Amino acid sequence: MDVRYFEDTDTLLIDFSDREIVETRDVGEDLLIELDGNGKIVSLIVEHAGEHIDVSNLSYEWIPV
């Protein structure tokens, strides 16, 4: 998984895999998902991210089962 924030466009991109993207769906205000040929999520895009989340305080934590 790769999380990137593009300050110049205020866009947050979360890549879950490197599979080929074949479709992009607008699923809500400023939220898009990109899907592979099997309908599995490849990435999540949050446009105008600063309006929705605190992009200066992003974190990731692995919690083992």
C-alpha atoms as a PDB file:
ATOM      1  CA  MET A   1       0.000   0.000   0.000  1.00  0.00           C
ATOM      2  CA  ASP A   2       1.250   3.449  -0.863  1.00  0.00           C
ATOM      3  CA  VAL A   3      -0.235   6.718   0.429  1.00  0.00           C
ATOM      4  CA  ARG A   4       0.638   9.973  -1.323  1.00  0.00           C
ATOM      5  CA  TYR A   5      -0.611  13.511  -0.828  1.00  0.00           C
ATOM      6  CA  PHE A   6      -0.207  16.024  -3.655  1.00  0.00           C
ATOM      7  CA  GLU A   7      -0.252  19.446  -2.042  1.00  0.00           C
ATOM      8  CA  ASP A   8      -0.468  21.356  -5.333  1.00  0.00           C
ATOM      9  CA  THR A   9      -3.812  19.711  -6.196  1.00  0.00           C
ATOM     10  CA  ASP A  10      -4.907  18.893  -2.614  1.00  0.00           C
ATOM     11  CA  THR A  11      -5.358  15.257  -3.643  1.00  0.00           C
ATOM     12  CA  LEU A  12      -4.835  12.161  -1.497  1.00  0.00           C
ATOM     13  CA  LEU A  13      -4.044   8.942  -3.362  1.00  0.00           C
ATOM     14  CA  ILE A  14      -4.054   5.555  -1.650  1.00  0.00           C
ATOM     15  CA  ASP A  15      -2.754   2.719  -3.841  1.00  0.00           C
ATOM     16  CA  PHE A  16      -3.663  -0.767  -2.671  1.00  0.00           C
ATOM     17  CA  SER A  17      -2.032  -2.652  -5.529  1.00  0.00           C
ATOM     18  CA  ASP A  18      -0.247  -2.157  -8.830  1.00  0.00           C
ATOM     19  CA  ARG A  19      -2.893  -3.962 -10.896  1.00  0.00           C
ATOM     20  CA  GLU A  20      -4.014  -2.271 -14.109  1.00  0.00           C
ATOM     21  CA  ILE A  21      -6.827   0.242 -13.653  1.00  0.00           C
ATOM     22  CA  VAL A  22      -9.683  -0.285 -16.095  1.00  0.00           C
ATOM     23  CA  GLU A  23     -12.446   1.794 -14.494  1.00  0.00           C
ATOM     24  CA  THR A  24     -12.803   4.835 -12.268  1.00  0.00           C
ATOM     25  CA  ARG A  25     -16.021   5.366 -10.320  1.00  0.00           C
ATOM     26  CA  ASP A  26     -17.192   8.560  -8.683  1.00  0.00           C
ATOM     27  CA  VAL A  27     -18.651   7.263  -5.409  1.00  0.00           C
ATOM     28  CA  GLY A  28     -19.319  10.516  -3.608  1.00  0.00           C
ATOM     29  CA  GLU A  29     -18.364  14.125  -3.273  1.00  0.00           C
ATOM     30  CA  ASP A  30     -14.630  14.282  -4.040  1.00  0.00           C
ATOM     31  CA  LEU A  31     -14.201  10.500  -3.683  1.00  0.00           C
ATOM     32  CA  LEU A  32     -13.220   8.156  -6.498  1.00  0.00           C
ATOM     33  CA  ILE A  33     -12.280   4.488  -6.601  1.00  0.00           C
ATOM     34  CA  GLU A  34     -10.227   2.876  -9.334  1.00  0.00           C
ATOM     35  CA  LEU A  35     -10.938  -0.753 -10.192  1.00  0.00           C
ATOM     36  CA  ASP A  36      -9.125  -3.517 -12.047  1.00  0.00           C
ATOM     37  CA  GLY A  37     -10.675  -5.820 -14.653  1.00  0.00           C
ATOM     38  CA  ASN A  38     -12.157  -8.042 -11.924  1.00  0.00           C
ATOM     39  CA  GLY A  39     -13.833  -5.147 -10.104  1.00  0.00           C
ATOM     40  CA  LYS A  40     -11.293  -5.160  -7.251  1.00  0.00           C
ATOM     41  CA  ILE A  41     -10.217  -1.824  -5.785  1.00  0.00           C
ATOM     42  CA  VAL A  42      -6.779  -0.706  -6.957  1.00  0.00           C
ATOM     43  CA  SER A  43      -6.777   2.794  -5.479  1.00  0.00           C
ATOM     44  CA  LEU A  44      -8.796   5.419  -3.672  1.00  0.00           C
ATOM     45  CA  ILE A  45      -8.627   9.116  -4.553  1.00  0.00           C
ATOM     46  CA  VAL A  46      -9.807  11.944  -2.300  1.00  0.00           C
ATOM     47  CA  GLU A  47      -9.992  15.256  -4.139  1.00  0.00           C
ATOM     48  CA  HIS A  48      -9.908  18.481  -2.087  1.00  0.00           C
ATOM     49  CA  ALA A  49      -8.568  16.259   0.685  1.00  0.00           C
ATOM     50  CA  GLY A  50      -7.773  19.143   3.031  1.00  0.00           C
ATOM     51  CA  GLU A  51     -11.478  19.976   3.196  1.00  0.00           C
ATOM     52  CA  HIS A  52     -12.328  16.455   4.404  1.00  0.00           C
ATOM     53  CA  ILE A  53      -9.404  15.218   6.499  1.00  0.00           C
ATOM     54  CA  ASP A  54      -6.347  16.483   8.366  1.00  0.00           C
ATOM     55  CA  VAL A  55      -3.741  15.651   5.728  1.00  0.00           C
ATOM     56  CA  SER A  56      -0.912  16.889   7.931  1.00  0.00           C
ATOM     57  CA  ASN A  57      -1.559  14.049  10.374  1.00  0.00           C
ATOM     58  CA  LEU A  58      -1.836  10.903   8.243  1.00  0.00           C
ATOM     59  CA  SER A  59      -0.660   7.659   9.805  1.00  0.00           C
ATOM     60  CA  TYR A  60      -0.755   3.943   9.195  1.00  0.00           C
ATOM     61  CA  GLU A  61      -0.658   1.151  11.742  1.00  0.00           C
ATOM     62  CA  TRP A  62      -0.389  -2.604  11.214  1.00  0.00           C
ATOM     63  CA  ILE A  63      -2.459  -4.525  13.750  1.00  0.00           C
ATOM     64  CA  PRO A  64      -1.720  -8.269  13.736  1.00  0.00           C
ATOM     65  CA  VAL A  65      -4.582 -10.681  14.301  1.00  0.00           C
END
